[in-house]
Protein backbone atom coordinates (compact mmCIF):
# COMPACT_ATOMS: atom_id res chain seq x y z
CA MET A 1 0.00 0.00 0.00
CA ILE A 2 2.80 2.35 0.95
CA TYR A 3 4.67 1.50 -2.28
CA SER A 4 1.54 2.18 -4.33
CA LYS A 5 1.15 5.60 -2.72
CA LEU A 6 4.81 6.40 -3.32
CA LEU A 7 4.57 5.25 -6.94
CA GLY A 8 1.43 7.34 -7.45
CA ALA A 9 3.11 10.38 -5.92
CA GLY A 10 6.15 9.85 -8.16
CA VAL A 11 3.97 9.70 -11.28
CA ILE A 12 2.18 12.91 -10.27
CA LEU A 13 5.50 14.72 -9.62
CA ALA A 14 6.96 13.50 -12.93
CA ALA A 15 3.88 14.66 -14.82
CA ALA A 16 4.07 18.06 -13.14
CA ALA A 17 7.77 18.39 -13.97
CA MET A 18 7.47 17.47 -17.66
CA PRO A 19 6.26 20.88 -18.96
CA ASN A 20 9.12 22.68 -17.18
CA ALA A 21 11.63 20.13 -18.48
CA ALA A 22 10.29 20.60 -22.02
CA LYS A 23 10.65 24.38 -21.71
CA ALA A 24 14.23 24.01 -20.47
CA ALA A 25 15.06 21.70 -23.39
CA ASP A 26 13.50 24.13 -25.87
CA ALA A 27 15.65 26.95 -24.51
CA PHE A 28 18.81 25.08 -25.56
CA ALA A 29 17.49 23.32 -28.65
CA PRO A 30 18.48 24.80 -32.04
CA ALA A 31 15.71 26.58 -33.94
CA ALA A 32 15.59 25.22 -37.49
CA ASP A 33 14.84 28.63 -39.01
CA ARG A 34 16.00 31.01 -36.30
CA TRP A 35 18.22 33.09 -38.58
CA THR A 36 15.96 33.23 -41.65
CA GLY A 37 14.33 36.59 -42.39
CA PRO A 38 14.95 40.34 -42.72
CA TYR A 39 16.62 42.56 -40.14
CA VAL A 40 17.60 46.17 -39.50
CA GLY A 41 20.19 47.53 -37.11
CA VAL A 42 22.56 50.24 -35.96
CA PHE A 43 26.31 50.25 -35.45
CA GLY A 44 29.28 52.29 -34.38
CA GLY A 45 32.88 51.79 -35.39
CA TYR A 46 36.30 53.06 -36.30
CA VAL A 47 38.01 53.55 -39.66
CA SER A 48 41.68 54.05 -40.55
CA LEU A 49 42.57 54.61 -44.23
CA ASP A 50 45.84 55.41 -46.01
CA ALA A 51 46.01 57.27 -49.33
CA ASP A 52 48.24 56.15 -52.19
CA GLY A 53 48.85 57.03 -55.84
CA GLU A 54 50.08 60.41 -57.09
CA TYR A 55 49.58 63.80 -55.51
CA GLU A 56 50.60 67.03 -57.26
CA GLY A 57 52.58 65.00 -59.82
CA GLU A 58 54.53 63.11 -57.14
CA GLY A 59 53.99 59.94 -55.18
CA VAL A 60 52.33 60.07 -51.79
CA ILE A 61 54.89 59.94 -48.99
CA ASP A 62 52.42 60.24 -46.13
CA GLY A 63 48.89 59.11 -46.89
CA GLY A 64 47.39 59.90 -43.53
CA PRO A 65 45.99 57.95 -42.00
CA VAL A 66 42.53 59.34 -42.48
CA LYS A 67 41.06 58.02 -39.23
CA GLY A 68 38.08 58.49 -36.96
CA PHE A 69 34.71 57.15 -35.88
CA LEU A 70 31.73 55.83 -37.84
CA TYR A 71 28.06 55.67 -36.87
CA GLY A 72 25.26 54.36 -39.03
CA GLY A 73 22.76 51.62 -39.78
CA GLN A 74 22.30 48.45 -41.80
CA ILE A 75 19.53 46.39 -43.39
CA GLY A 76 19.77 42.80 -44.55
CA TYR A 77 18.26 39.38 -45.11
CA ASN A 78 19.43 35.94 -43.98
CA LYS A 79 18.55 32.45 -45.15
CA GLN A 80 19.39 29.57 -42.80
CA ILE A 81 20.10 26.20 -44.45
CA GLU A 82 20.67 23.66 -41.69
CA SER A 83 23.80 24.98 -39.89
CA ALA A 84 24.76 27.41 -42.67
CA VAL A 85 23.53 30.99 -43.13
CA LEU A 86 23.64 32.95 -46.39
CA GLY A 87 22.63 36.58 -46.67
CA ILE A 88 23.02 40.07 -48.07
CA GLU A 89 23.56 43.29 -46.14
CA ALA A 90 23.73 47.00 -47.01
CA ASP A 91 24.93 49.70 -44.64
CA ILE A 92 25.74 53.39 -44.59
CA ALA A 93 27.65 55.42 -42.02
CA LEU A 94 28.56 59.04 -41.41
CA SER A 95 32.12 59.68 -40.26
CA ASP A 96 34.32 62.24 -38.53
CA ALA A 97 37.52 60.61 -39.89
CA ASP A 98 40.16 63.04 -41.18
CA GLY A 99 43.87 63.34 -41.94
CA ASP A 100 46.50 64.95 -44.21
CA VAL A 101 47.87 63.61 -47.50
CA VAL A 102 51.48 64.71 -48.24
CA ASN A 103 53.47 64.33 -51.48
CA ASP A 104 57.02 62.94 -51.81
CA SER A 105 58.73 66.29 -51.44
CA GLY A 106 56.75 67.04 -48.30
CA THR A 107 55.85 70.48 -49.62
CA GLU A 108 52.26 69.86 -50.80
CA PHE A 109 49.51 68.49 -48.64
CA ALA A 110 45.74 68.27 -48.57
CA ALA A 111 43.44 68.07 -45.56
CA THR A 112 41.14 65.10 -46.17
CA ASP A 113 37.81 64.25 -44.49
CA LEU A 114 35.71 61.11 -44.92
CA ASN A 115 32.05 62.20 -45.11
CA TYR A 116 30.35 58.83 -45.41
CA LEU A 117 31.01 55.16 -46.17
CA ALA A 118 28.42 52.77 -47.65
CA THR A 119 28.72 49.10 -48.56
CA ILE A 120 26.62 46.31 -50.01
CA ARG A 121 27.95 42.84 -49.22
CA GLY A 122 27.17 39.16 -49.36
CA ARG A 123 27.50 37.15 -46.15
CA ALA A 124 28.11 33.43 -45.62
CA GLY A 125 28.69 31.67 -42.34
CA MET A 126 28.33 28.68 -40.05
CA LEU A 127 26.35 28.41 -36.81
CA LEU A 128 28.25 27.44 -33.66
CA GLY A 129 27.19 25.59 -30.53
CA GLU A 130 24.28 23.28 -29.75
CA SER A 131 21.81 26.16 -29.66
CA GLU A 132 23.14 27.55 -32.97
CA SER A 133 22.77 31.06 -31.56
CA THR A 134 26.24 32.26 -32.69
CA LEU A 135 27.14 32.92 -36.33
CA LEU A 136 30.73 32.99 -37.59
CA PHE A 137 30.63 34.69 -41.00
CA ALA A 138 32.72 35.98 -43.90
CA THR A 139 31.59 38.97 -45.95
CA ALA A 140 32.63 40.75 -49.16
CA GLY A 141 31.21 43.28 -51.59
CA LEU A 142 31.29 46.83 -52.94
CA ALA A 143 31.97 50.12 -51.17
CA VAL A 144 31.29 53.80 -51.85
CA ALA A 145 33.15 56.50 -49.90
CA GLU A 146 32.91 60.29 -50.17
CA PHE A 147 35.85 62.54 -49.24
CA ASP A 148 36.26 66.29 -48.86
CA VAL A 149 39.75 67.38 -49.95
CA ASP A 150 41.02 70.88 -49.09
CA PHE A 151 44.29 71.99 -50.74
CA GLU A 152 45.28 75.30 -49.12
CA GLY A 153 41.75 76.64 -49.31
CA GLU A 154 40.82 75.07 -52.67
CA ALA A 155 38.26 72.42 -51.77
CA GLY A 156 36.55 69.63 -53.63
CA THR A 157 34.29 66.66 -52.88
CA PHE A 158 35.12 63.28 -54.46
CA THR A 159 33.28 59.95 -54.45
CA HIS A 160 35.36 56.78 -54.65
CA LEU A 161 34.19 53.27 -55.52
CA GLY A 162 35.92 50.26 -54.01
CA VAL A 163 35.69 46.77 -52.54
CA VAL A 164 35.56 45.38 -48.99
CA ALA A 165 36.16 41.95 -47.49
CA GLY A 166 36.21 40.66 -43.94
CA GLY A 167 34.33 38.70 -41.34
CA GLY A 168 32.88 38.65 -37.87
CA LEU A 169 30.71 37.10 -35.18
CA GLU A 170 27.00 37.63 -34.53
CA HIS A 171 25.14 36.28 -31.50
CA MET A 172 21.40 35.99 -30.88
CA LEU A 173 20.48 37.40 -27.46
CA THR A 174 16.77 36.73 -28.03
CA GLU A 175 14.66 35.54 -30.96
CA GLN A 176 14.52 39.15 -32.21
CA ILE A 177 17.79 40.80 -31.09
CA SER A 178 21.41 39.99 -31.99
CA VAL A 179 24.74 41.72 -31.43
CA LYS A 180 27.70 41.59 -33.79
CA ALA A 181 31.37 42.48 -34.16
CA GLU A 182 32.78 42.85 -37.67
CA TYR A 183 36.06 43.73 -39.39
CA ASN A 184 36.51 44.72 -43.04
CA TYR A 185 39.52 45.62 -45.16
CA MET A 186 38.59 48.25 -47.75
CA VAL A 187 40.32 49.36 -50.97
CA THR A 188 39.02 52.22 -53.13
CA PHE A 189 40.02 52.59 -56.76
CA ASP A 190 42.34 55.47 -57.71
CA LYS A 191 40.43 58.54 -58.81
CA ASP A 192 41.68 61.48 -60.89
CA THR A 193 40.62 64.40 -58.70
CA GLY A 194 42.17 66.97 -61.05
CA GLY A 195 43.34 70.48 -60.28
CA SER A 196 45.71 71.31 -57.47
CA SER A 197 43.83 69.18 -54.90
CA GLY A 198 45.41 65.97 -56.15
CA GLU A 199 45.33 63.36 -58.89
CA ASP A 200 44.98 59.57 -59.08
CA ILE A 201 44.43 59.10 -55.36
CA GLY A 202 43.05 55.92 -53.80
CA TYR A 203 42.54 54.76 -50.22
CA ASP A 204 42.93 51.47 -48.40
CA GLY A 205 42.65 50.42 -44.78
CA HIS A 206 40.64 49.03 -41.91
CA VAL A 207 37.02 49.30 -40.79
CA ALA A 208 35.86 47.83 -37.44
CA LYS A 209 32.22 47.84 -36.30
CA LEU A 210 30.08 46.83 -33.32
CA GLY A 211 26.33 46.66 -33.90
CA VAL A 212 22.86 45.52 -32.86
CA ASN A 213 20.32 43.91 -35.23
CA PHE A 214 16.55 43.58 -34.85
CA HIS A 215 15.12 40.53 -36.65
CA PHE A 216 11.62 40.12 -38.08
């Protein structure tokens, strides 16, 4: 009789515990489509670019760096395929980065400011861990950067096209919110800026970003 009561009590306790156990298991179980869908986000970062090419008919001896902070936003879409994630992302950032470009003789220089930087990139990565809440990804694509160049009071604004490539980590904090850290190496194509403000100048360097994404 005592054993029957104990067995009955055990069955009741087990039945009561099952919903909580199921919830705990769900919290750590991978979601088959967790990463699929659109997202928007914001980010802050830092950029450091060096100029190269020819300036005032001479090579560039000191190309900066043109360095400073970035702040902007991104929009993108992911598609999860088992433990892989493919996607596309576009972003744009304003910047306070600046620096001086000096020619070989050291006698001619131009104050240079980065106004904005925009990219559109593909992303591809693998999910890590049992919960598949962390994404390790590589990214590459096109870049557009606008610079103000001031040569002793003679100013001009120039838009450069280029390419970027890099990678990063993104982690899901909740089903709707993720945080990410990303690094890109950027190269812009040489551009004939004409006049006394420079000629055939290009930029290359580093872009680091920390951001938050909101998934739908």
